[in-house]
Amino acid sequence: MSPATSDPEVLWRLSRGRSTAHATIFPGDDQTTLTWFFDGVMDRAENYDSVEVALGRAEHIRGILLRDGWTGRDEEP
């Protein structure tokens, strides 16, 4: 079974020490929801009019976390 375009998807996962963070996108017909989780607890959910804007916001938050010392698989030494 292949995923539907409306299925939620984890966009990125980061860690800092024992802490973890990830962003999940929930595409929809009228709006797209973007959520952030820290240590398995939802921190924030935001709705956007397009997937493109939501993806841009997710990358913005990812960049902030990376500058604050979080790392992901691609950023680890």
C-alpha atoms as a PDB file:
ATOM      1  CA  MET A   1       0.000   0.000   0.000  1.00  0.00           C
ATOM      2  CA  SER A   2       1.456   3.394  -0.943  1.00  0.00           C
ATOM      3  CA  PRO A   3       0.973   6.479   1.232  1.00  0.00           C
ATOM      4  CA  ALA A   4      -1.775   8.920   0.285  1.00  0.00           C
ATOM      5  CA  THR A   5      -0.966  12.574  -0.316  1.00  0.00           C
ATOM      6  CA  SER A   6      -3.019  13.424   2.786  1.00  0.00           C
ATOM      7  CA  ASP A   7      -1.071  11.078   5.114  1.00  0.00           C
ATOM      8  CA  PRO A   8       0.993  12.749   7.841  1.00  0.00           C
ATOM      9  CA  GLU A   9       4.756  12.652   7.387  1.00  0.00           C
ATOM     10  CA  VAL A  10       7.674  13.350   9.713  1.00  0.00           C
ATOM     11  CA  LEU A  11       9.788  16.004   7.992  1.00  0.00           C
ATOM     12  CA  TRP A  12      12.851  15.918  10.226  1.00  0.00           C
ATOM     13  CA  ARG A  13      14.149  14.570  13.524  1.00  0.00           C
ATOM     14  CA  LEU A  14      16.763  16.306  15.655  1.00  0.00           C
ATOM     15  CA  SER A  15      18.450  15.634  18.971  1.00  0.00           C
ATOM     16  CA  ARG A  16      20.462  17.514  21.571  1.00  0.00           C
ATOM     17  CA  GLY A  17      21.812  15.397  24.392  1.00  0.00           C
ATOM     18  CA  ARG A  18      18.921  13.215  25.543  1.00  0.00           C
ATOM     19  CA  SER A  19      16.291  15.561  24.072  1.00  0.00           C
ATOM     20  CA  THR A  20      14.559  14.891  20.762  1.00  0.00           C
ATOM     21  CA  ALA A  21      12.507  17.042  18.404  1.00  0.00           C
ATOM     22  CA  HIS A  22      10.593  16.378  15.215  1.00  0.00           C
ATOM     23  CA  ALA A  23       8.209  18.128  12.844  1.00  0.00           C
ATOM     24  CA  THR A  24       5.203  16.439  11.268  1.00  0.00           C
ATOM     25  CA  ILE A  25       3.131  17.743   8.359  1.00  0.00           C
ATOM     26  CA  PHE A  26      -0.548  16.882   7.835  1.00  0.00           C
ATOM     27  CA  PRO A  27      -1.544  17.872   4.274  1.00  0.00           C
ATOM     28  CA  GLY A  28      -5.212  18.611   3.703  1.00  0.00           C
ATOM     29  CA  ASP A  29      -7.572  19.838   1.020  1.00  0.00           C
ATOM     30  CA  ASP A  30      -8.179  23.292   2.521  1.00  0.00           C
ATOM     31  CA  GLN A  31      -5.205  23.687   4.842  1.00  0.00           C
ATOM     32  CA  THR A  32      -1.976  22.026   5.882  1.00  0.00           C
ATOM     33  CA  THR A  33      -1.135  21.511   9.538  1.00  0.00           C
ATOM     34  CA  LEU A  34       2.429  21.536  10.815  1.00  0.00           C
ATOM     35  CA  THR A  35       3.268  20.250  14.301  1.00  0.00           C
ATOM     36  CA  TRP A  36       6.426  20.209  16.424  1.00  0.00           C
ATOM     37  CA  PHE A  37       7.161  17.694  19.147  1.00  0.00           C
ATOM     38  CA  PHE A  38       9.831  17.930  21.823  1.00  0.00           C
ATOM     39  CA  ASP A  39      10.580  14.776  23.813  1.00  0.00           C
ATOM     40  CA  GLY A  40       7.403  13.204  22.448  1.00  0.00           C
ATOM     41  CA  VAL A  41       5.110  16.037  23.570  1.00  0.00           C
ATOM     42  CA  MET A  42       3.400  18.321  21.049  1.00  0.00           C
ATOM     43  CA  ASP A  43       4.744  21.829  21.499  1.00  0.00           C
ATOM     44  CA  ARG A  44       2.893  23.642  18.743  1.00  0.00           C
ATOM     45  CA  ALA A  45       0.513  23.198  15.810  1.00  0.00           C
ATOM     46  CA  GLU A  46       0.062  25.742  13.032  1.00  0.00           C
ATOM     47  CA  ASN A  47      -2.250  25.772   9.991  1.00  0.00           C
ATOM     48  CA  TYR A  48      -1.228  27.075   6.558  1.00  0.00           C
ATOM     49  CA  ASP A  49      -3.012  27.650   3.270  1.00  0.00           C
ATOM     50  CA  SER A  50      -0.457  25.636   1.277  1.00  0.00           C
ATOM     51  CA  VAL A  51       2.009  22.796   1.687  1.00  0.00           C
ATOM     52  CA  GLU A  52       4.795  25.015   0.344  1.00  0.00           C
ATOM     53  CA  VAL A  53       4.348  27.629   3.077  1.00  0.00           C
ATOM     54  CA  ALA A  54       4.186  24.914   5.763  1.00  0.00           C
ATOM     55  CA  LEU A  55       7.392  23.317   4.448  1.00  0.00           C
ATOM     56  CA  GLY A  56       9.117  26.691   4.489  1.00  0.00           C
ATOM     57  CA  ARG A  57       8.087  27.245   8.104  1.00  0.00           C
ATOM     58  CA  ALA A  58       9.306  23.766   9.072  1.00  0.00           C
ATOM     59  CA  GLU A  59      12.703  24.487   7.532  1.00  0.00           C
ATOM     60  CA  HIS A  60      12.838  27.853   9.314  1.00  0.00           C
ATOM     61  CA  ILE A  61      12.266  26.175  12.706  1.00  0.00           C
ATOM     62  CA  ARG A  62      14.765  23.425  11.848  1.00  0.00           C
ATOM     63  CA  GLY A  63      17.375  26.068  11.075  1.00  0.00           C
ATOM     64  CA  ILE A  64      16.766  27.805  14.408  1.00  0.00           C
ATOM     65  CA  LEU A  65      17.175  24.530  16.281  1.00  0.00           C
ATOM     66  CA  LEU A  66      20.354  23.641  14.370  1.00  0.00           C
ATOM     67  CA  ARG A  67      21.854  27.031  15.235  1.00  0.00           C
ATOM     68  CA  ASP A  68      20.904  26.370  18.869  1.00  0.00           C
ATOM     69  CA  GLY A  69      22.957  23.165  18.962  1.00  0.00           C
ATOM     70  CA  TRP A  70      20.468  20.499  17.873  1.00  0.00           C
ATOM     71  CA  THR A  71      21.735  17.917  15.371  1.00  0.00           C
ATOM     72  CA  GLY A  72      20.145  15.617  12.841  1.00  0.00           C
ATOM     73  CA  ARG A  73      21.455  12.590  11.001  1.00  0.00           C
ATOM     74  CA  ASP A  74      22.809  14.754   8.172  1.00  0.00           C
ATOM     75  CA  GLU A  75      24.446  17.236  10.563  1.00  0.00           C
ATOM     76  CA  GLU A  76      26.168  14.783  12.933  1.00  0.00           C
ATOM     77  CA  PRO A  77      29.958  14.427  12.660  1.00  0.00           C
END
